PDB file of N, CA and C in Angstrom:
ATOM      1  N   MET A   1     -36.326 -40.298  13.390  1.00  0.00           N
ATOM      2  CA  MET A   1     -36.907 -38.978  13.299  1.00  0.00           C
ATOM      3  C   MET A   1     -37.542 -38.795  11.925  1.00  0.00           C
ATOM      4  N   SER A   2     -38.690 -38.188  11.870  1.00  0.00           N
ATOM      5  CA  SER A   2     -39.418 -38.073  10.608  1.00  0.00           C
ATOM      6  C   SER A   2     -38.756 -37.124   9.613  1.00  0.00           C
ATOM      7  N   HIS A   3     -37.840 -36.264  10.057  1.00  0.00           N
ATOM      8  CA  HIS A   3     -37.177 -35.327   9.154  1.00  0.00           C
ATOM      9  C   HIS A   3     -35.986 -35.939   8.435  1.00  0.00           C
ATOM     10  N   SER A   4     -35.528 -37.092   8.892  1.00  0.00           N
ATOM     11  CA  SER A   4     -34.281 -37.662   8.373  1.00  0.00           C
ATOM     12  C   SER A   4     -34.256 -37.886   6.857  1.00  0.00           C
ATOM     13  N   PRO A   5     -35.368 -38.144   6.164  1.00  0.00           N
ATOM     14  CA  PRO A   5     -35.280 -38.267   4.698  1.00  0.00           C
ATOM     15  C   PRO A   5     -34.767 -36.998   4.013  1.00  0.00           C
ATOM     16  N   LEU A   6     -34.861 -35.850   4.681  1.00  0.00           N
ATOM     17  CA  LEU A   6     -34.370 -34.605   4.079  1.00  0.00           C
ATOM     18  C   LEU A   6     -32.849 -34.591   3.954  1.00  0.00           C
ATOM     19  N   ARG A   7     -32.159 -35.509   4.618  1.00  0.00           N
ATOM     20  CA  ARG A   7     -30.700 -35.605   4.478  1.00  0.00           C
ATOM     21  C   ARG A   7     -30.303 -35.917   3.032  1.00  0.00           C
ATOM     22  N   MET A   8     -31.157 -36.640   2.303  1.00  0.00           N
ATOM     23  CA  MET A   8     -30.786 -37.039   0.948  1.00  0.00           C
ATOM     24  C   MET A   8     -30.997 -35.924  -0.078  1.00  0.00           C
ATOM     25  N   PHE A   9     -31.613 -34.814   0.295  1.00  0.00           N
ATOM     26  CA  PHE A   9     -31.802 -33.694  -0.631  1.00  0.00           C
ATOM     27  C   PHE A   9     -30.604 -32.759  -0.569  1.00  0.00           C
ATOM     28  N   LYS A  10     -29.434 -33.317  -0.852  1.00  0.00           N
ATOM     29  CA  LYS A  10     -28.177 -32.578  -0.739  1.00  0.00           C
ATOM     30  C   LYS A  10     -28.102 -31.396  -1.685  1.00  0.00           C
ATOM     31  N   GLN A  11     -28.872 -31.423  -2.762  1.00  0.00           N
ATOM     32  CA  GLN A  11     -28.844 -30.308  -3.705  1.00  0.00           C
ATOM     33  C   GLN A  11     -29.380 -29.019  -3.076  1.00  0.00           C
ATOM     34  N   PHE A  12     -30.085 -29.120  -1.949  1.00  0.00           N
ATOM     35  CA  PHE A  12     -30.617 -27.948  -1.256  1.00  0.00           C
ATOM     36  C   PHE A  12     -29.793 -27.559  -0.032  1.00  0.00           C
ATOM     37  N   HIS A  13     -28.866 -28.385   0.388  1.00  0.00           N
ATOM     38  CA  HIS A  13     -28.143 -28.156   1.638  1.00  0.00           C
ATOM     39  C   HIS A  13     -27.300 -26.884   1.629  1.00  0.00           C
ATOM     40  N   ASN A  14     -26.816 -26.438   0.483  1.00  0.00           N
ATOM     41  CA  ASN A  14     -26.018 -25.214   0.414  1.00  0.00           C
ATOM     42  C   ASN A  14     -26.805 -24.025  -0.135  1.00  0.00           C
ATOM     43  N   LYS A  15     -28.114 -24.189  -0.261  1.00  0.00           N
ATOM     44  CA  LYS A  15     -28.961 -23.096  -0.747  1.00  0.00           C
ATOM     45  C   LYS A  15     -29.608 -22.403   0.446  1.00  0.00           C
ATOM     46  N   HIS A  16     -29.997 -21.153   0.256  1.00  0.00           N
ATOM     47  CA  HIS A  16     -30.683 -20.416   1.316  1.00  0.00           C
ATOM     48  C   HIS A  16     -32.122 -20.919   1.393  1.00  0.00           C
ATOM     49  N   VAL A  17     -32.488 -21.503   2.534  1.00  0.00           N
ATOM     50  CA  VAL A  17     -33.821 -22.060   2.721  1.00  0.00           C
ATOM     51  C   VAL A  17     -34.525 -21.370   3.885  1.00  0.00           C
ATOM     52  N   VAL A  18     -35.836 -21.266   3.787  1.00  0.00           N
ATOM     53  CA  VAL A  18     -36.672 -20.823   4.896  1.00  0.00           C
ATOM     54  C   VAL A  18     -37.357 -22.062   5.437  1.00  0.00           C
ATOM     55  N   VAL A  19     -37.269 -22.264   6.754  1.00  0.00           N
ATOM     56  CA  VAL A  19     -37.867 -23.450   7.375  1.00  0.00           C
ATOM     57  C   VAL A  19     -39.036 -23.041   8.251  1.00  0.00           C
ATOM     58  N   SER A  20     -40.041 -23.893   8.263  1.00  0.00           N
ATOM     59  CA  SER A  20     -41.236 -23.664   9.056  1.00  0.00           C
ATOM     60  C   SER A  20     -41.609 -24.952   9.765  1.00  0.00           C
ATOM     61  N   GLY A  21     -42.091 -24.818  10.979  1.00  0.00           N
ATOM     62  CA  GLY A  21     -42.516 -25.979  11.742  1.00  0.00           C
ATOM     63  C   GLY A  21     -42.461 -25.688  13.227  1.00  0.00           C
ATOM     64  N   GLN A  22     -42.760 -26.695  14.025  1.00  0.00           N
ATOM     65  CA  GLN A  22     -42.726 -26.536  15.469  1.00  0.00           C
ATOM     66  C   GLN A  22     -41.381 -26.986  16.015  1.00  0.00           C
ATOM     67  N   GLY A  23     -41.052 -26.466  17.174  1.00  0.00           N
ATOM     68  CA  GLY A  23     -39.823 -26.897  17.822  1.00  0.00           C
ATOM     69  C   GLY A  23     -38.609 -26.158  17.302  1.00  0.00           C
ATOM     70  N   PRO A  24     -37.437 -26.711  17.568  1.00  0.00           N
ATOM     71  CA  PRO A  24     -36.184 -26.048  17.196  1.00  0.00           C
ATOM     72  C   PRO A  24     -35.846 -26.257  15.715  1.00  0.00           C
ATOM     73  N   SER A  25     -36.623 -25.652  14.829  1.00  0.00           N
ATOM     74  CA  SER A  25     -36.461 -25.916  13.395  1.00  0.00           C
ATOM     75  C   SER A  25     -35.092 -25.507  12.858  1.00  0.00           C
ATOM     76  N   LEU A  26     -34.494 -24.468  13.406  1.00  0.00           N
ATOM     77  CA  LEU A  26     -33.156 -24.068  12.956  1.00  0.00           C
ATOM     78  C   LEU A  26     -32.140 -25.167  13.266  1.00  0.00           C
ATOM     79  N   GLU A  27     -32.180 -25.682  14.479  1.00  0.00           N
ATOM     80  CA  GLU A  27     -31.258 -26.747  14.874  1.00  0.00           C
ATOM     81  C   GLU A  27     -31.512 -28.028  14.089  1.00  0.00           C
ATOM     82  N   ILE A  28     -32.785 -28.336  13.849  1.00  0.00           N
ATOM     83  CA  ILE A  28     -33.123 -29.535  13.072  1.00  0.00           C
ATOM     84  C   ILE A  28     -32.565 -29.407  11.657  1.00  0.00           C
ATOM     85  N   ALA A  29     -32.777 -28.247  11.033  1.00  0.00           N
ATOM     86  CA  ALA A  29     -32.301 -28.033   9.662  1.00  0.00           C
ATOM     87  C   ALA A  29     -30.783 -28.152   9.586  1.00  0.00           C
ATOM     88  N   LYS A  30     -30.093 -27.529  10.513  1.00  0.00           N
ATOM     89  CA  LYS A  30     -28.625 -27.597  10.509  1.00  0.00           C
ATOM     90  C   LYS A  30     -28.150 -29.034  10.759  1.00  0.00           C
ATOM     91  N   GLY A  31     -28.851 -29.755  11.623  1.00  0.00           N
ATOM     92  CA  GLY A  31     -28.519 -31.152  11.886  1.00  0.00           C
ATOM     93  C   GLY A  31     -28.728 -32.057  10.683  1.00  0.00           C
ATOM     94  N   LEU A  32     -29.626 -31.654   9.790  1.00  0.00           N
ATOM     95  CA  LEU A  32     -29.891 -32.431   8.576  1.00  0.00           C
ATOM     96  C   LEU A  32     -28.942 -32.078   7.434  1.00  0.00           C
ATOM     97  N   GLY A  33     -28.124 -31.041   7.631  1.00  0.00           N
ATOM     98  CA  GLY A  33     -27.149 -30.686   6.609  1.00  0.00           C
ATOM     99  C   GLY A  33     -27.379 -29.357   5.926  1.00  0.00           C
ATOM    100  N   PHE A  34     -28.483 -28.666   6.236  1.00  0.00           N
ATOM    101  CA  PHE A  34     -28.743 -27.362   5.629  1.00  0.00           C
ATOM    102  C   PHE A  34     -27.817 -26.338   6.268  1.00  0.00           C
ATOM    103  N   SER A  35     -27.176 -25.507   5.449  1.00  0.00           N
ATOM    104  CA  SER A  35     -26.176 -24.585   5.997  1.00  0.00           C
ATOM    105  C   SER A  35     -26.615 -23.117   5.987  1.00  0.00           C
ATOM    106  N   LYS A  36     -27.532 -22.740   5.100  1.00  0.00           N
ATOM    107  CA  LYS A  36     -27.994 -21.343   5.008  1.00  0.00           C
ATOM    108  C   LYS A  36     -29.483 -21.320   5.326  1.00  0.00           C
ATOM    109  N   VAL A  37     -29.797 -21.222   6.614  1.00  0.00           N
ATOM    110  CA  VAL A  37     -31.167 -21.417   7.080  1.00  0.00           C
ATOM    111  C   VAL A  37     -31.708 -20.140   7.713  1.00  0.00           C
ATOM    112  N   THR A  38     -32.950 -19.800   7.372  1.00  0.00           N
ATOM    113  CA  THR A  38     -33.702 -18.734   8.022  1.00  0.00           C
ATOM    114  C   THR A  38     -35.024 -19.336   8.471  1.00  0.00           C
ATOM    115  N   THR A  39     -35.400 -19.099   9.715  1.00  0.00           N
ATOM    116  CA  THR A  39     -36.706 -19.584  10.191  1.00  0.00           C
ATOM    117  C   THR A  39     -37.788 -18.603   9.740  1.00  0.00           C
ATOM    118  N   VAL A  40     -39.029 -19.057   9.728  1.00  0.00           N
ATOM    119  CA  VAL A  40     -40.150 -18.187   9.382  1.00  0.00           C
ATOM    120  C   VAL A  40     -40.201 -17.016  10.361  1.00  0.00           C
ATOM    121  N   GLU A  41     -39.895 -17.271  11.621  1.00  0.00           N
ATOM    122  CA  GLU A  41     -39.914 -16.209  12.629  1.00  0.00           C
ATOM    123  C   GLU A  41     -38.872 -15.127  12.311  1.00  0.00           C
ATOM    124  N   ASP A  42     -37.672 -15.548  11.926  1.00  0.00           N
ATOM    125  CA  ASP A  42     -36.636 -14.575  11.562  1.00  0.00           C
ATOM    126  C   ASP A  42     -36.988 -13.846  10.271  1.00  0.00           C
ATOM    127  N   PHE A  43     -37.597 -14.563   9.337  1.00  0.00           N
ATOM    128  CA  PHE A  43     -38.031 -13.958   8.081  1.00  0.00           C
ATOM    129  C   PHE A  43     -39.080 -12.886   8.362  1.00  0.00           C
ATOM    130  N   ARG A  44     -40.034 -13.197   9.242  1.00  0.00           N
ATOM    131  CA  ARG A  44     -41.082 -12.242   9.611  1.00  0.00           C
ATOM    132  C   ARG A  44     -40.479 -11.011  10.286  1.00  0.00           C
ATOM    133  N   SER A  45     -39.461 -11.209  11.107  1.00  0.00           N
ATOM    134  CA  SER A  45     -38.800 -10.078  11.768  1.00  0.00           C
ATOM    135  C   SER A  45     -38.068  -9.194  10.756  1.00  0.00           C
ATOM    136  N   SER A  46     -37.510  -9.806   9.720  1.00  0.00           N
ATOM    137  CA  SER A  46     -36.807  -9.037   8.687  1.00  0.00           C
ATOM    138  C   SER A  46     -37.760  -8.292   7.768  1.00  0.00           C
ATOM    139  N   PHE A  47     -38.958  -8.841   7.589  1.00  0.00           N
ATOM    140  CA  PHE A  47     -39.956  -8.246   6.697  1.00  0.00           C
ATOM    141  C   PHE A  47     -41.289  -8.114   7.431  1.00  0.00           C
ATOM    142  N   PRO A  48     -41.376  -7.238   8.428  1.00  0.00           N
ATOM    143  CA  PRO A  48     -42.582  -7.165   9.264  1.00  0.00           C
ATOM    144  C   PRO A  48     -43.834  -6.746   8.505  1.00  0.00           C
ATOM    145  N   THR A  49     -43.697  -6.007   7.428  1.00  0.00           N
ATOM    146  CA  THR A  49     -44.888  -5.564   6.699  1.00  0.00           C
ATOM    147  C   THR A  49     -45.511  -6.677   5.863  1.00  0.00           C
ATOM    148  N   LEU A  50     -44.799  -7.781   5.667  1.00  0.00           N
ATOM    149  CA  LEU A  50     -45.374  -8.892   4.898  1.00  0.00           C
ATOM    150  C   LEU A  50     -46.368  -9.705   5.712  1.00  0.00           C
ATOM    151  N   ASP A  51     -46.287  -9.622   7.037  1.00  0.00           N
ATOM    152  CA  ASP A  51     -47.219 -10.377   7.880  1.00  0.00           C
ATOM    153  C   ASP A  51     -48.525  -9.599   7.972  1.00  0.00           C
ATOM    154  N   ALA A  52     -49.352  -9.768   6.971  1.00  0.00           N
ATOM    155  CA  ALA A  52     -50.625  -9.053   6.912  1.00  0.00           C
ATOM    156  C   ALA A  52     -51.673  -9.665   7.828  1.00  0.00           C
ATOM    157  N   VAL A  53     -51.355 -10.798   8.431  1.00  0.00           N
ATOM    158  CA  VAL A  53     -52.322 -11.518   9.245  1.00  0.00           C
ATOM    159  C   VAL A  53     -52.342 -11.023  10.682  1.00  0.00           C
ATOM    160  N   ASP A  54     -51.167 -10.853  11.282  1.00  0.00           N
ATOM    161  CA  ASP A  54     -51.094 -10.532  12.694  1.00  0.00           C
ATOM    162  C   ASP A  54     -50.455  -9.160  12.901  1.00  0.00           C
ATOM    163  N   HIS A  55     -51.284  -8.143  12.993  1.00  0.00           N
ATOM    164  CA  HIS A  55     -50.789  -6.781  13.157  1.00  0.00           C
ATOM    165  C   HIS A  55     -50.255  -6.521  14.557  1.00  0.00           C
ATOM    166  N   THR A  56     -50.648  -7.315  15.531  1.00  0.00           N
ATOM    167  CA  THR A  56     -50.192  -7.090  16.900  1.00  0.00           C
ATOM    168  C   THR A  56     -48.716  -7.430  17.075  1.00  0.00           C
ATOM    169  N   ARG A  57     -48.174  -8.303  16.264  1.00  0.00           N
ATOM    170  CA  ARG A  57     -46.762  -8.673  16.364  1.00  0.00           C
ATOM    171  C   ARG A  57     -45.889  -7.843  15.438  1.00  0.00           C
ATOM    172  N   ARG A  58     -46.473  -6.951  14.692  1.00  0.00           N
ATOM    173  CA  ARG A  58     -45.740  -6.153  13.719  1.00  0.00           C
ATOM    174  C   ARG A  58     -44.949  -5.054  14.424  1.00  0.00           C
ATOM    175  N   ILE A  59     -43.695  -4.916  14.058  1.00  0.00           N
ATOM    176  CA  ILE A  59     -42.900  -3.818  14.599  1.00  0.00           C
ATOM    177  C   ILE A  59     -43.061  -2.607  13.702  1.00  0.00           C
ATOM    178  N   SER A  60     -42.837  -1.427  14.252  1.00  0.00           N
ATOM    179  CA  SER A  60     -43.131  -0.214  13.484  1.00  0.00           C
ATOM    180  C   SER A  60     -42.023   0.173  12.514  1.00  0.00           C
ATOM    181  N   VAL A  61     -40.807  -0.274  12.753  1.00  0.00           N
ATOM    182  CA  VAL A  61     -39.686   0.094  11.890  1.00  0.00           C
ATOM    183  C   VAL A  61     -39.167  -1.150  11.187  1.00  0.00           C
ATOM    184  N   PRO A  62     -39.145  -1.172   9.856  1.00  0.00           N
ATOM    185  CA  PRO A  62     -38.626  -2.345   9.153  1.00  0.00           C
ATOM    186  C   PRO A  62     -37.133  -2.526   9.411  1.00  0.00           C
ATOM    187  N   CYS A  63     -36.701  -3.731   9.309  1.00  0.00           N
ATOM    188  CA  CYS A  63     -35.291  -4.062   9.487  1.00  0.00           C
ATOM    189  C   CYS A  63     -34.501  -3.535   8.298  1.00  0.00           C
ATOM    190  N   THR A  64     -33.371  -2.903   8.556  1.00  0.00           N
ATOM    191  CA  THR A  64     -32.557  -2.388   7.458  1.00  0.00           C
ATOM    192  C   THR A  64     -31.857  -3.510   6.704  1.00  0.00           C
ATOM    193  N   PHE A  65     -31.829  -4.687   7.304  1.00  0.00           N
ATOM    194  CA  PHE A  65     -31.197  -5.844   6.682  1.00  0.00           C
ATOM    195  C   PHE A  65     -31.945  -6.284   5.426  1.00  0.00           C
ATOM    196  N   GLU A  66     -33.216  -5.924   5.304  1.00  0.00           N
ATOM    197  CA  GLU A  66     -34.022  -6.468   4.201  1.00  0.00           C
ATOM    198  C   GLU A  66     -33.463  -6.151   2.826  1.00  0.00           C
ATOM    199  N   ARG A  67     -32.737  -5.055   2.674  1.00  0.00           N
ATOM    200  CA  ARG A  67     -32.140  -4.744   1.367  1.00  0.00           C
ATOM    201  C   ARG A  67     -31.101  -5.777   0.968  1.00  0.00           C
ATOM    202  N   TYR A  68     -30.464  -6.403   1.942  1.00  0.00           N
ATOM    203  CA  TYR A  68     -29.370  -7.335   1.687  1.00  0.00           C
ATOM    204  C   TYR A  68     -29.776  -8.785   1.906  1.00  0.00           C
ATOM    205  N   PHE A  69     -31.052  -9.012   2.080  1.00  0.00           N
ATOM    206  CA  PHE A  69     -31.532 -10.365   2.357  1.00  0.00           C
ATOM    207  C   PHE A  69     -31.297 -11.239   1.127  1.00  0.00           C
ATOM    208  N   PRO A  70     -30.599 -12.361   1.294  1.00  0.00           N
ATOM    209  CA  PRO A  70     -30.305 -13.210   0.130  1.00  0.00           C
ATOM    210  C   PRO A  70     -31.561 -13.894  -0.415  1.00  0.00           C
ATOM    211  N   ARG A  71     -31.558 -14.182  -1.697  1.00  0.00           N
ATOM    212  CA  ARG A  71     -32.687 -14.865  -2.353  1.00  0.00           C
ATOM    213  C   ARG A  71     -32.985 -16.176  -1.629  1.00  0.00           C
ATOM    214  N   VAL A  72     -34.257 -16.414  -1.373  1.00  0.00           N
ATOM    215  CA  VAL A  72     -34.685 -17.682  -0.794  1.00  0.00           C
ATOM    216  C   VAL A  72     -34.791 -18.677  -1.939  1.00  0.00           C
ATOM    217  N   GLU A  73     -34.054 -19.782  -1.832  1.00  0.00           N
ATOM    218  CA  GLU A  73     -34.009 -20.753  -2.914  1.00  0.00           C
ATOM    219  C   GLU A  73     -34.881 -21.972  -2.666  1.00  0.00           C
ATOM    220  N   ALA A  74     -35.355 -22.139  -1.425  1.00  0.00           N
ATOM    221  CA  ALA A  74     -36.225 -23.279  -1.117  1.00  0.00           C
ATOM    222  C   ALA A  74     -36.967 -23.006   0.190  1.00  0.00           C
ATOM    223  N   VAL A  75     -38.114 -23.641   0.333  1.00  0.00           N
ATOM    224  CA  VAL A  75     -38.887 -23.600   1.571  1.00  0.00           C
ATOM    225  C   VAL A  75     -39.008 -25.037   2.059  1.00  0.00           C
ATOM    226  N   VAL A  76     -38.702 -25.257   3.337  1.00  0.00           N
ATOM    227  CA  VAL A  76     -38.763 -26.601   3.919  1.00  0.00           C
ATOM    228  C   VAL A  76     -39.764 -26.581   5.070  1.00  0.00           C
ATOM    229  N   LEU A  77     -40.735 -27.485   5.023  1.00  0.00           N
ATOM    230  CA  LEU A  77     -41.727 -27.600   6.096  1.00  0.00           C
ATOM    231  C   LEU A  77     -41.387 -28.788   6.976  1.00  0.00           C
ATOM    232  N   PHE A  78     -41.208 -28.540   8.260  1.00  0.00           N
ATOM    233  CA  PHE A  78     -40.960 -29.598   9.236  1.00  0.00           C
ATOM    234  C   PHE A  78     -42.253 -29.877   9.992  1.00  0.00           C
ATOM    235  N   GLY A  79     -43.257 -30.263   9.287  1.00  0.00           N
ATOM    236  CA  GLY A  79     -44.537 -30.521   9.939  1.00  0.00           C
ATOM    237  C   GLY A  79     -45.367 -29.256  10.042  1.00  0.00           C
ATOM    238  N   GLU A  80     -46.337 -29.298  10.913  1.00  0.00           N
ATOM    239  CA  GLU A  80     -47.308 -28.226  11.034  1.00  0.00           C
ATOM    240  C   GLU A  80     -46.803 -27.093  11.922  1.00  0.00           C
ATOM    241  N   PRO A  81     -46.737 -25.860  11.406  1.00  0.00           N
ATOM    242  CA  PRO A  81     -46.319 -24.749  12.254  1.00  0.00           C
ATOM    243  C   PRO A  81     -47.412 -24.367  13.252  1.00  0.00           C
ATOM    244  N   VAL A  82     -47.032 -23.696  14.319  1.00  0.00           N
ATOM    245  CA  VAL A  82     -47.996 -23.260  15.327  1.00  0.00           C
ATOM    246  C   VAL A  82     -48.916 -22.200  14.742  1.00  0.00           C
ATOM    247  N   ARG A  83     -48.372 -21.271  13.991  1.00  0.00           N
ATOM    248  CA  ARG A  83     -49.137 -20.166  13.407  1.00  0.00           C
ATOM    249  C   ARG A  83     -49.208 -20.346  11.890  1.00  0.00           C
ATOM    250  N   TRP A  84     -50.105 -21.205  11.426  1.00  0.00           N
ATOM    251  CA  TRP A  84     -50.229 -21.478   9.993  1.00  0.00           C
ATOM    252  C   TRP A  84     -50.486 -20.216   9.200  1.00  0.00           C
ATOM    253  N   GLU A  85     -51.315 -19.329   9.742  1.00  0.00           N
ATOM    254  CA  GLU A  85     -51.704 -18.146   8.970  1.00  0.00           C
ATOM    255  C   GLU A  85     -50.496 -17.286   8.606  1.00  0.00           C
ATOM    256  N   THR A  86     -49.580 -17.087   9.536  1.00  0.00           N
ATOM    257  CA  THR A  86     -48.375 -16.298   9.251  1.00  0.00           C
ATOM    258  C   THR A  86     -47.446 -17.053   8.315  1.00  0.00           C
ATOM    259  N   SER A  87     -47.194 -18.329   8.613  1.00  0.00           N
ATOM    260  CA  SER A  87     -46.298 -19.121   7.762  1.00  0.00           C
ATOM    261  C   SER A  87     -46.811 -19.185   6.330  1.00  0.00           C
ATOM    262  N   LEU A  88     -48.081 -19.432   6.159  1.00  0.00           N
ATOM    263  CA  LEU A  88     -48.664 -19.523   4.821  1.00  0.00           C
ATOM    264  C   LEU A  88     -48.537 -18.198   4.070  1.00  0.00           C
ATOM    265  N   GLN A  89     -48.826 -17.082   4.754  1.00  0.00           N
ATOM    266  CA  GLN A  89     -48.708 -15.769   4.115  1.00  0.00           C
ATOM    267  C   GLN A  89     -47.274 -15.520   3.653  1.00  0.00           C
ATOM    268  N   LEU A  90     -46.304 -15.802   4.506  1.00  0.00           N
ATOM    269  CA  LEU A  90     -44.909 -15.535   4.167  1.00  0.00           C
ATOM    270  C   LEU A  90     -44.391 -16.481   3.084  1.00  0.00           C
ATOM    271  N   ILE A  91     -44.806 -17.743   3.120  1.00  0.00           N
ATOM    272  CA  ILE A  91     -44.390 -18.695   2.089  1.00  0.00           C
ATOM    273  C   ILE A  91     -44.956 -18.285   0.727  1.00  0.00           C
ATOM    274  N   ILE A  92     -46.199 -17.846   0.706  1.00  0.00           N
ATOM    275  CA  ILE A  92     -46.789 -17.364  -0.553  1.00  0.00           C
ATOM    276  C   ILE A  92     -46.030 -16.149  -1.067  1.00  0.00           C
ATOM    277  N   ASP A  93     -45.659 -15.246  -0.160  1.00  0.00           N
ATOM    278  CA  ASP A  93     -44.879 -14.076  -0.574  1.00  0.00           C
ATOM    279  C   ASP A  93     -43.530 -14.483  -1.156  1.00  0.00           C
ATOM    280  N   ILE A  94     -42.894 -15.474  -0.555  1.00  0.00           N
ATOM    281  CA  ILE A  94     -41.618 -15.974  -1.084  1.00  0.00           C
ATOM    282  C   ILE A  94     -41.814 -16.531  -2.491  1.00  0.00           C
ATOM    283  N   LEU A  95     -42.861 -17.318  -2.674  1.00  0.00           N
ATOM    284  CA  LEU A  95     -43.124 -17.920  -3.988  1.00  0.00           C
ATOM    285  C   LEU A  95     -43.491 -16.858  -5.031  1.00  0.00           C
ATOM    286  N   MET A  96     -44.309 -15.886  -4.636  1.00  0.00           N
ATOM    287  CA  MET A  96     -44.766 -14.856  -5.583  1.00  0.00           C
ATOM    288  C   MET A  96     -43.629 -13.946  -6.040  1.00  0.00           C
ATOM    289  N   THR A  97     -42.606 -13.770  -5.186  1.00  0.00           N
ATOM    290  CA  THR A  97     -41.508 -12.864  -5.523  1.00  0.00           C
ATOM    291  C   THR A  97     -40.276 -13.617  -6.013  1.00  0.00           C
ATOM    292  N   ASN A  98     -40.428 -14.896  -6.301  1.00  0.00           N
ATOM    293  CA  ASN A  98     -39.316 -15.715  -6.769  1.00  0.00           C
ATOM    294  C   ASN A  98     -38.139 -15.685  -5.790  1.00  0.00           C
ATOM    295  N   GLY A  99     -38.480 -15.682  -4.499  1.00  0.00           N
ATOM    296  CA  GLY A  99     -37.461 -15.736  -3.455  1.00  0.00           C
ATOM    297  C   GLY A  99     -36.842 -14.407  -3.094  1.00  0.00           C
ATOM    298  N   LEU A 100     -37.302 -13.322  -3.697  1.00  0.00           N
ATOM    299  CA  LEU A 100     -36.769 -11.986  -3.395  1.00  0.00           C
ATOM    300  C   LEU A 100     -37.881 -11.100  -2.825  1.00  0.00           C
ATOM    301  N   PRO A 101     -38.159 -11.222  -1.544  1.00  0.00           N
ATOM    302  CA  PRO A 101     -39.288 -10.479  -0.960  1.00  0.00           C
ATOM    303  C   PRO A 101     -39.094  -8.972  -0.937  1.00  0.00           C
ATOM    304  N   THR A 102     -37.908  -8.483  -1.273  1.00  0.00           N
ATOM    305  CA  THR A 102     -37.688  -7.036  -1.341  1.00  0.00           C
ATOM    306  C   THR A 102     -38.218  -6.450  -2.636  1.00  0.00           C
ATOM    307  N   GLU A 103     -38.586  -7.320  -3.573  1.00  0.00           N
ATOM    308  CA  GLU A 103     -39.095  -6.861  -4.863  1.00  0.00           C
ATOM    309  C   GLU A 103     -40.579  -7.205  -4.995  1.00  0.00           C
ATOM    310  N   ALA A 104     -41.302  -6.357  -5.685  1.00  0.00           N
ATOM    311  CA  ALA A 104     -42.724  -6.631  -5.931  1.00  0.00           C
ATOM    312  C   ALA A 104     -42.847  -7.771  -6.934  1.00  0.00           C
ATOM    313  N   PRO A 105     -43.923  -8.562  -6.832  1.00  0.00           N
ATOM    314  CA  PRO A 105     -44.112  -9.641  -7.806  1.00  0.00           C
ATOM    315  C   PRO A 105     -44.240  -9.081  -9.225  1.00  0.00           C
ATOM    316  N   LYS A 106     -43.696  -9.835 -10.188  1.00  0.00           N
ATOM    317  CA  LYS A 106     -43.753  -9.403 -11.603  1.00  0.00           C
ATOM    318  C   LYS A 106     -45.191  -9.346 -12.100  1.00  0.00           C
ATOM    319  N   SER A 107     -45.997 -10.316 -11.654  1.00  0.00           N
ATOM    320  CA  SER A 107     -47.414 -10.328 -12.011  1.00  0.00           C
ATOM    321  C   SER A 107     -48.181 -11.035 -10.898  1.00  0.00           C
ATOM    322  N   ILE A 108     -49.446 -10.759 -10.843  1.00  0.00           N
ATOM    323  CA  ILE A 108     -50.294 -11.390  -9.842  1.00  0.00           C
ATOM    324  C   ILE A 108     -51.234 -12.344 -10.561  1.00  0.00           C
ATOM    325  N   PRO A 109     -51.170 -13.630 -10.209  1.00  0.00           N
ATOM    326  CA  PRO A 109     -52.018 -14.609 -10.926  1.00  0.00           C
ATOM    327  C   PRO A 109     -53.489 -14.425 -10.628  1.00  0.00           C
TER     328      PRO A 109
END
C-alpha cells in the first residue's frame, strides 16, 4: 500500500492530524498508527463558514463544538482528494491559523 511509509512518522501518531484523500481515510490513518484523526469532511462540518468554495454544502448553524476543537498539529494527504478546492481552502486555513481555526490569523502574508 502506498501509505505504508507513514508508519515510520511515529512522532505524529499521537498528534491531532487532519487527513485528506479519497476512500476511507479515517480507517487508513488509524491503521497506520494515527490516533487523533479528523477528516477534511468532519473538519468542514465543524467549521462550515471556512468552506468559502462550496456554499451549497454549507449548513446555516455552526457547530458548537468548534470552541473546543483541539489544535491541528499536522495535515496528512493520502493522495488526491475528490474535492481539491474544499480541501485546499481548509488546509490553508489550518496553516494560516497555526492549527487553531477558531482564531483569526495573526497576520496575512
